[in-house]
């Protein structure tokens, strides 16, 4: 019966819940994480039920006045609508980040329900949102700790905000917010936002279950399916001037730039939010080593040796703010590039000035280095903090590269 489809607990519905948790947890964190963090940080008082409203004093010292029930509810509506809007924005933009396997399952579900109930075309949308919203997004919003979105349970105020937000997501997922409002009439102030959210959700489901041929138009050709690569390390680094001609050296010599290391590349830009000026693919990085102090008057300088376009070997000299930062960058780079087949076995800890290397006084700029490179990820007493997402991604990429050998 289309009106109660997938509403009860059954072996099928519980299996689907488990499937979403196994295949979609990174996607869930990608979509819900920012809004959940905002709710926990702001700790706003949000209440729409007149029977539960707490009347408070407002105003500055000496000018207190009692806030009316209507004011409290209106303030709560504004906060809740802001959270709901942010969450819906994240959901409707998340199509490219949704795992292909989940999209394939929802596509099958959408098509089968449409064929089974041709007179109730609304049912195929509700079939998808029954799992995506009611059994995945909404429970995670209500109890984020159970979905590893937070380390601890929320306090009473935050918990109430999360409950109301979860209810709102449920009503949007029901695709008929007016019908849901009949049970809890005090949700009526939120009705316009819920109706708008329902329309957006319907459009999102249509795109999410689009056929394989439609994907290129929807997401842009060449756009990867899945969350963006996990950030391994990022921060400001000073680029020292040298005689090199690589893209990094030409664009950034003598400047402080924001560097970002992911499982794919080392990119750089003027700030975290600015457009990237360029990037070095991890496969092109040949070594990451310390630079001796006399070279630039600092003991916190590292060198990244990489293969520039055209096959020319270049070296970028990057200064960190302290020794801990230096060790973190070196360890992160070595871990990310440790399996590169072209890594160097030797390097120069100095710089090439005039007509010779400052470390060994060799005159051949492209000759073998005078010291061996180090590819270990632990440096003296420094040990990387474990980042499970980054480690899992790195391990997966490593195993992917070995598929032929493993077979």
Protein backbone atom coordinates (compact mmCIF):
# COMPACT_ATOMS: atom_id res chain seq x y z
CA UNK A 1 0.00 0.00 0.00
CA UNK A 2 1.75 3.21 -1.16
CA UNK A 3 0.86 5.33 1.89
CA UNK A 4 2.54 2.95 4.36
CA UNK A 5 5.33 1.67 2.13
CA UNK A 6 8.57 1.01 4.10
CA UNK A 7 7.08 2.65 7.22
CA UNK A 8 7.23 -0.44 9.42
CA UNK A 9 10.33 -2.25 10.64
CA UNK A 10 11.02 -5.31 8.52
CA UNK A 11 14.00 -7.36 7.46
CA UNK A 12 14.12 -5.29 4.25
CA UNK A 13 14.00 -1.90 5.99
CA UNK A 14 16.56 -2.90 8.66
CA UNK A 15 18.86 -4.27 5.96
CA UNK A 16 18.59 -0.99 4.08
CA UNK A 17 19.48 0.94 7.25
CA UNK A 18 22.58 -1.19 7.74
CA UNK A 19 23.50 -0.81 4.08
CA UNK A 20 23.35 3.00 4.34
CA UNK A 21 25.53 2.99 7.45
CA UNK A 22 28.13 0.71 5.87
CA UNK A 23 28.35 2.54 2.54
CA UNK A 24 27.33 6.09 3.42
CA UNK A 25 28.94 7.23 6.68
CA UNK A 26 31.55 9.49 5.01
CA UNK A 27 28.73 10.97 2.90
CA UNK A 28 26.61 11.48 6.03
CA UNK A 29 29.45 13.34 7.76
CA UNK A 30 30.07 15.38 4.61
CA UNK A 31 26.43 16.53 4.51
CA UNK A 32 25.51 16.91 8.19
CA UNK A 33 28.84 17.72 9.83
CA UNK A 34 28.93 21.53 9.42
CA UNK A 35 25.32 22.09 10.57
CA UNK A 36 25.64 19.74 13.56
CA UNK A 37 28.85 21.50 14.61
CA UNK A 38 27.11 24.89 14.34
CA UNK A 39 24.20 23.76 16.54
CA UNK A 40 26.61 22.49 19.22
CA UNK A 41 28.72 25.66 19.13
CA UNK A 42 25.89 28.22 19.15
CA UNK A 43 23.71 26.54 21.82
CA UNK A 44 20.72 28.67 20.80
CA UNK A 45 17.45 28.33 22.67
CA UNK A 46 14.99 26.88 20.15
CA UNK A 47 11.39 26.04 21.07
CA UNK A 48 8.14 26.12 19.09
CA UNK A 49 5.83 24.23 21.46
CA UNK A 50 3.92 26.74 23.65
CA UNK A 51 3.62 24.11 26.38
CA UNK A 52 7.42 23.94 26.72
CA UNK A 53 8.42 27.58 26.22
CA UNK A 54 10.61 29.09 28.95
CA UNK A 55 9.95 32.81 29.47
CA UNK A 56 13.20 34.70 30.07
CA UNK A 57 14.30 38.18 31.02
CA UNK A 58 15.87 40.12 28.16
CA UNK A 59 17.62 43.44 27.85
CA UNK A 60 20.64 45.03 29.49
CA UNK A 61 21.19 45.44 33.23
CA UNK A 62 18.57 47.69 34.83
CA UNK A 63 16.27 47.54 31.81
CA UNK A 64 15.01 43.98 32.08
CA UNK A 65 11.71 43.05 30.50
CA UNK A 66 10.01 39.70 30.23
CA UNK A 67 10.11 38.18 26.77
CA UNK A 68 6.66 37.20 25.55
CA UNK A 69 5.80 33.69 24.51
CA UNK A 70 5.28 34.84 20.93
CA UNK A 71 8.74 36.46 20.85
CA UNK A 72 10.40 33.29 22.14
CA UNK A 73 8.61 31.14 19.55
CA UNK A 74 9.42 33.56 16.72
CA UNK A 75 13.07 33.64 17.76
CA UNK A 76 13.10 29.84 17.89
CA UNK A 77 11.50 29.65 14.45
CA UNK A 78 14.18 31.90 12.98
CA UNK A 79 17.00 29.81 14.47
CA UNK A 80 15.42 26.51 13.41
CA UNK A 81 14.68 27.80 9.91
CA UNK A 82 18.30 28.92 9.59
CA UNK A 83 19.59 25.45 10.58
CA UNK A 84 17.07 23.73 8.31
CA UNK A 85 17.97 25.98 5.37
CA UNK A 86 21.68 25.30 5.81
CA UNK A 87 21.06 21.56 6.03
CA UNK A 88 18.84 21.50 2.95
CA UNK A 89 21.44 23.51 1.04
CA UNK A 90 24.03 20.85 1.95
CA UNK A 91 21.69 18.02 0.94
CA UNK A 92 20.65 19.40 -2.46
CA UNK A 93 24.30 20.13 -3.35
CA UNK A 94 25.50 16.70 -2.25
CA UNK A 95 24.57 14.70 -5.36
CA UNK A 96 28.17 14.36 -6.65
CA UNK A 97 29.32 13.31 -3.15
CA UNK A 98 26.71 10.54 -2.78
CA UNK A 99 28.41 7.14 -3.22
CA UNK A 100 27.62 5.60 -6.64
CA UNK A 101 26.43 2.40 -4.97
CA UNK A 102 23.79 4.27 -2.94
CA UNK A 103 22.69 6.16 -6.04
CA UNK A 104 22.32 2.88 -7.93
CA UNK A 105 20.18 1.36 -5.16
CA UNK A 106 17.95 4.45 -4.93
CA UNK A 107 17.61 4.45 -8.72
CA UNK A 108 16.37 0.84 -8.63
CA UNK A 109 14.04 1.60 -5.72
CA UNK A 110 12.63 4.67 -7.48
CA UNK A 111 12.00 2.76 -10.72
CA UNK A 112 10.47 -0.35 -9.08
CA UNK A 113 8.06 1.61 -6.90
CA UNK A 114 7.05 3.71 -9.92
CA UNK A 115 6.28 0.52 -11.86
CA UNK A 116 4.45 -1.11 -8.93
CA UNK A 117 2.23 1.92 -8.20
CA UNK A 118 1.77 3.73 -11.53
CA UNK A 119 -1.26 5.65 -10.21
CA UNK A 120 0.75 6.99 -7.25
CA UNK A 121 3.84 8.64 -8.76
CA UNK A 122 4.34 10.48 -5.45
CA UNK A 123 5.15 7.13 -3.80
CA UNK A 124 8.47 6.64 -5.61
CA UNK A 125 9.84 9.88 -4.12
CA UNK A 126 8.66 8.94 -0.62
CA UNK A 127 10.22 5.47 -1.03
CA UNK A 128 13.66 7.08 -1.40
CA UNK A 129 13.21 9.69 1.34
CA UNK A 130 11.86 6.97 3.69
CA UNK A 131 15.40 5.67 3.85
CA UNK A 132 17.51 8.74 3.10
CA UNK A 133 15.71 11.18 5.43
CA UNK A 134 13.66 9.16 7.92
CA UNK A 135 16.17 6.35 8.56
CA UNK A 136 19.52 8.00 7.86
CA UNK A 137 19.68 11.81 8.05
CA UNK A 138 17.04 12.32 10.74
CA UNK A 139 18.36 9.75 13.30
CA UNK A 140 21.89 11.13 12.82
CA UNK A 141 20.68 14.68 13.49
CA UNK A 142 18.79 13.57 16.59
CA UNK A 143 21.66 11.56 18.14
CA UNK A 144 24.91 12.58 16.38
CA UNK A 145 27.11 10.62 18.81
CA UNK A 146 25.68 7.31 17.58
CA UNK A 147 26.80 8.21 14.06
CA UNK A 148 30.28 9.40 15.14
CA UNK A 149 29.40 13.02 14.34
CA UNK A 150 30.25 14.05 17.93
CA UNK A 151 32.36 12.60 20.72
CA UNK A 152 29.72 13.15 23.43
CA UNK A 153 25.95 13.43 23.74
CA UNK A 154 24.38 16.89 23.60
CA UNK A 155 23.21 18.88 26.65
CA UNK A 156 19.47 19.34 27.20
CA UNK A 157 19.14 22.60 25.23
CA UNK A 158 21.16 21.40 22.23
CA UNK A 159 19.37 18.05 22.32
CA UNK A 160 15.99 19.81 22.01
CA UNK A 161 17.23 21.85 19.04
CA UNK A 162 18.48 18.68 17.35
CA UNK A 163 15.15 16.93 18.00
CA UNK A 164 13.20 19.78 16.39
CA UNK A 165 15.60 19.85 13.45
CA UNK A 166 15.23 16.07 13.04
CA UNK A 167 11.43 16.48 13.06
CA UNK A 168 11.71 19.12 10.36
CA UNK A 169 13.85 16.80 8.20
CA UNK A 170 11.27 14.04 8.73
CA UNK A 171 8.44 16.31 7.59
CA UNK A 172 10.40 17.32 4.50
CA UNK A 173 11.12 13.62 3.85
CA UNK A 174 7.40 12.80 4.15
CA UNK A 175 6.92 15.09 1.15
CA UNK A 176 3.65 16.30 2.71
CA UNK A 177 4.52 18.74 5.51
CA UNK A 178 0.89 19.89 5.94
CA UNK A 179 -0.20 16.34 6.79
CA UNK A 180 2.55 15.98 9.39
CA UNK A 181 1.69 19.33 10.94
CA UNK A 182 -1.81 18.03 11.84
CA UNK A 183 -0.29 15.93 14.63
CA UNK A 184 1.76 18.79 16.11
CA UNK A 185 -0.01 22.02 15.25
CA UNK A 186 2.66 24.10 16.96
CA UNK A 187 4.96 23.36 13.99
CA UNK A 188 2.77 25.58 11.79
CA UNK A 189 5.16 28.61 11.93
CA UNK A 190 7.66 26.43 10.08
CA UNK A 191 5.22 25.37 7.35
CA UNK A 192 6.41 27.78 4.57
CA UNK A 193 10.02 26.63 5.05
CA UNK A 194 8.92 22.97 5.06
CA UNK A 195 6.94 23.38 1.85
CA UNK A 196 9.89 25.03 0.14
CA UNK A 197 12.17 22.27 1.49
CA UNK A 198 9.83 19.59 0.12
CA UNK A 199 10.01 21.08 -3.38
CA UNK A 200 13.81 21.22 -3.16
CA UNK A 201 13.97 17.63 -1.89
CA UNK A 202 11.80 16.40 -4.75
CA UNK A 203 14.10 18.08 -7.26
CA UNK A 204 17.15 16.61 -5.48
CA UNK A 205 15.74 13.06 -5.59
CA UNK A 206 14.98 13.46 -9.30
CA UNK A 207 18.63 14.36 -9.94
CA UNK A 208 20.00 11.75 -7.52
CA UNK A 209 18.25 8.86 -9.28
CA UNK A 210 18.97 10.20 -12.79
CA UNK A 211 20.14 7.66 -15.34
CA UNK A 212 23.82 7.09 -16.04
CA UNK A 213 23.49 9.06 -19.29
CA UNK A 214 22.21 12.10 -17.38
CA UNK A 215 25.10 12.25 -14.94
CA UNK A 216 27.46 14.16 -17.20
CA UNK A 217 24.94 17.01 -17.62
CA UNK A 218 23.98 17.10 -13.95
CA UNK A 219 27.40 16.99 -12.36
CA UNK A 220 29.71 18.33 -15.07
CA UNK A 221 31.92 16.13 -17.19
CA UNK A 222 34.94 14.79 -15.36
CA UNK A 223 33.65 15.75 -11.92
CA UNK A 224 34.49 12.98 -9.44
CA UNK A 225 31.77 11.11 -7.63
CA UNK A 226 32.44 11.05 -3.90
CA UNK A 227 33.56 13.50 -1.21
CA UNK A 228 36.60 15.65 -1.93
CA UNK A 229 39.96 14.08 -0.98
CA UNK A 230 40.63 14.23 2.74
CA UNK A 231 43.00 17.02 3.78
CA UNK A 232 46.15 15.50 5.27
CA UNK A 233 47.91 18.74 6.23
CA UNK A 234 47.46 22.45 5.50
CA UNK A 235 48.95 25.78 6.58
CA UNK A 236 50.94 28.88 5.65
CA UNK A 237 54.49 28.41 4.38
CA UNK A 238 57.06 30.94 3.15
CA UNK A 239 58.43 30.14 -0.31
CA UNK A 240 62.13 31.06 -0.55
CA UNK A 241 63.53 32.50 -3.79
CA UNK A 242 65.81 30.25 -5.82
CA UNK A 243 67.03 30.03 -9.39
CA UNK A 244 64.48 27.38 -10.34
CA UNK A 245 61.79 27.83 -12.99
CA UNK A 246 59.05 25.42 -11.85
CA UNK A 247 55.40 26.56 -11.60
CA UNK A 248 55.55 26.82 -7.82
CA UNK A 249 58.77 28.83 -7.88
CA UNK A 250 57.63 31.21 -10.59
CA UNK A 251 54.26 31.93 -9.00
CA UNK A 252 55.20 32.23 -5.37
CA UNK A 253 58.86 33.09 -4.76
CA UNK A 254 59.34 35.21 -1.66
CA UNK A 255 55.67 34.95 -0.58
CA UNK A 256 53.71 33.25 2.16
CA UNK A 257 51.10 30.95 0.67
CA UNK A 258 48.52 28.54 2.00
CA UNK A 259 49.52 24.95 1.17
CA UNK A 260 47.12 22.02 1.26
CA UNK A 261 48.20 18.39 1.09
CA UNK A 262 45.55 15.79 0.15
CA UNK A 263 45.71 12.21 -1.04
CA UNK A 264 46.05 13.53 -4.60
CA UNK A 265 48.28 16.62 -4.63
CA UNK A 266 50.09 19.43 -2.84
CA UNK A 267 48.24 22.59 -3.89
CA UNK A 268 48.83 26.23 -3.00
CA UNK A 269 46.92 29.52 -3.02
CA UNK A 270 46.91 32.95 -1.39
CA UNK A 271 44.47 31.84 1.34
CA UNK A 272 42.41 28.75 2.30
CA UNK A 273 39.35 30.06 0.47
CA UNK A 274 41.17 31.61 -2.52
CA UNK A 275 41.48 29.93 -5.89
CA UNK A 276 44.41 27.55 -6.08
CA UNK A 277 47.39 29.02 -7.94
CA UNK A 278 48.72 25.60 -8.80
CA UNK A 279 49.33 22.07 -7.59
CA UNK A 280 51.95 19.33 -7.64
CA UNK A 281 50.61 15.80 -8.10
CA UNK A 282 51.81 13.40 -5.40
CA UNK A 283 53.23 11.14 -8.10
CA UNK A 284 55.57 13.96 -9.16
CA UNK A 285 57.06 14.53 -5.68
CA UNK A 286 60.48 12.89 -5.46
CA UNK A 287 61.61 13.81 -1.94
CA UNK A 288 60.78 15.88 1.15
CA UNK A 289 63.79 16.73 3.31
CA UNK A 290 65.18 19.23 5.81
CA UNK A 291 67.45 22.04 4.67
CA UNK A 292 70.57 22.86 6.69
CA UNK A 293 70.26 26.00 8.79
CA UNK A 294 73.05 27.99 7.11
CA UNK A 295 71.24 27.94 3.76
CA UNK A 296 68.49 30.42 4.72
CA UNK A 297 69.38 31.33 8.31
CA UNK A 298 66.59 29.15 9.71
CA UNK A 299 66.40 25.56 10.95
CA UNK A 300 62.72 25.29 9.99
CA UNK A 301 63.09 25.08 6.21
CA UNK A 302 62.22 21.98 4.17
CA UNK A 303 62.69 21.21 0.51
CA UNK A 304 60.17 19.51 -1.76
CA UNK A 305 61.87 18.01 -4.82
CA UNK A 306 59.39 17.44 -7.63
CA UNK A 307 59.19 16.79 -11.36
CA UNK A 308 57.93 19.89 -13.19
CA UNK A 309 56.11 19.92 -16.51
CA UNK A 310 58.50 18.92 -19.26
CA UNK A 311 60.46 16.48 -17.10
CA UNK A 312 62.64 19.11 -15.37
CA UNK A 313 63.51 18.35 -11.74
CA UNK A 314 62.86 21.36 -9.46
CA UNK A 315 63.18 22.06 -5.76
CA UNK A 316 60.91 24.31 -3.69
CA UNK A 317 62.25 25.59 -0.36
CA UNK A 318 59.44 26.15 2.14
CA UNK A 319 59.88 27.67 5.60
CA UNK A 320 57.69 26.49 8.50
CA UNK A 321 56.95 28.51 11.63
CA UNK A 322 58.55 26.06 14.11
CA UNK A 323 60.30 22.71 14.35
CA UNK A 324 57.07 20.87 15.23
CA UNK A 325 55.40 22.26 12.13
CA UNK A 326 58.44 21.24 10.06
CA UNK A 327 58.32 17.67 11.36
CA UNK A 328 54.58 17.44 10.77
CA UNK A 329 54.93 18.56 7.15
CA UNK A 330 57.87 16.24 6.45
CA UNK A 331 56.11 13.27 8.00
CA UNK A 332 52.86 13.98 6.14
CA UNK A 333 54.64 14.40 2.79
CA UNK A 334 56.74 11.27 3.22
CA UNK A 335 53.71 9.22 4.18
CA UNK A 336 51.72 10.49 1.20
CA UNK A 337 54.55 9.93 -1.30
CA UNK A 338 56.27 6.91 0.22
CA UNK A 339 55.08 4.55 -2.50
CA UNK A 340 56.11 6.71 -5.45
CA UNK A 341 58.31 4.62 -7.77
CA UNK A 342 60.48 7.65 -8.65
CA UNK A 343 61.50 8.74 -5.14
CA UNK A 344 65.12 9.88 -4.88
CA UNK A 345 67.70 7.96 -2.87
CA UNK A 346 69.95 10.97 -2.29
CA UNK A 347 69.66 14.74 -2.04
CA UNK A 348 71.57 17.92 -1.18
CA UNK A 349 70.74 19.36 2.26
CA UNK A 350 72.11 22.73 1.09
CA UNK A 351 71.26 25.02 -1.85
CA UNK A 352 72.97 25.64 -5.17
CA UNK A 353 74.42 29.17 -5.09
CA UNK A 354 76.80 30.66 -7.57
CA UNK A 355 78.40 27.64 -9.16
CA UNK A 356 78.33 25.03 -6.38
CA UNK A 357 76.26 23.37 -3.68
CA UNK A 358 76.61 24.97 -0.23
CA UNK A 359 76.65 21.57 1.49
CA UNK A 360 79.30 19.56 -0.41
CA UNK A 361 80.72 22.18 -2.84
CA UNK A 362 79.96 19.99 -5.87
CA UNK A 363 79.72 22.01 -9.08
CA UNK A 364 77.31 19.71 -10.92
CA UNK A 365 73.83 21.11 -10.20
CA UNK A 366 72.07 17.95 -11.41
CA UNK A 367 74.48 15.39 -9.93
CA UNK A 368 73.74 12.88 -7.20
CA UNK A 369 73.09 14.29 -3.74
CA UNK A 370 75.59 14.09 -0.93
CA UNK A 371 73.18 12.78 1.72
CA UNK A 372 70.64 9.96 1.65
CA UNK A 373 66.93 10.71 1.62
CA UNK A 374 64.71 9.56 4.46
CA UNK A 375 61.29 8.06 3.82
CA UNK A 376 60.27 7.08 7.34
CA UNK A 377 57.13 8.70 8.75
CA UNK A 378 58.37 8.99 12.35
CA UNK A 379 61.02 11.62 13.03
CA UNK A 380 62.91 11.31 16.31
CA UNK A 381 60.30 11.80 19.06
CA UNK A 382 57.62 13.09 16.68
CA UNK A 383 54.79 10.71 15.79
CA UNK A 384 51.79 11.59 13.62
CA UNK A 385 48.38 11.74 15.32
CA UNK A 386 46.14 9.05 13.82
CA UNK A 387 43.49 10.37 11.42
CA UNK A 388 41.31 7.33 10.58
CA UNK A 389 39.70 8.89 7.48
CA UNK A 390 43.02 9.95 5.98
CA UNK A 391 44.68 6.64 6.85
CA UNK A 392 41.83 4.62 5.33
CA UNK A 393 41.96 6.69 2.15
CA UNK A 394 45.74 6.28 1.90
CA UNK A 395 45.53 2.52 2.47
CA UNK A 396 42.77 2.18 -0.13
CA UNK A 397 44.79 4.07 -2.74
CA UNK A 398 47.84 1.94 -1.97
CA UNK A 399 45.86 -1.30 -2.41
CA UNK A 400 44.30 0.01 -5.61
CA UNK A 401 47.76 0.55 -7.03
CA UNK A 402 48.69 -3.05 -6.17
CA UNK A 403 45.63 -4.77 -7.64
CA UNK A 404 47.61 -6.36 -10.47
CA UNK A 405 50.31 -7.64 -8.12
CA UNK A 406 47.76 -8.99 -5.63
CA UNK A 407 45.93 -10.89 -8.37
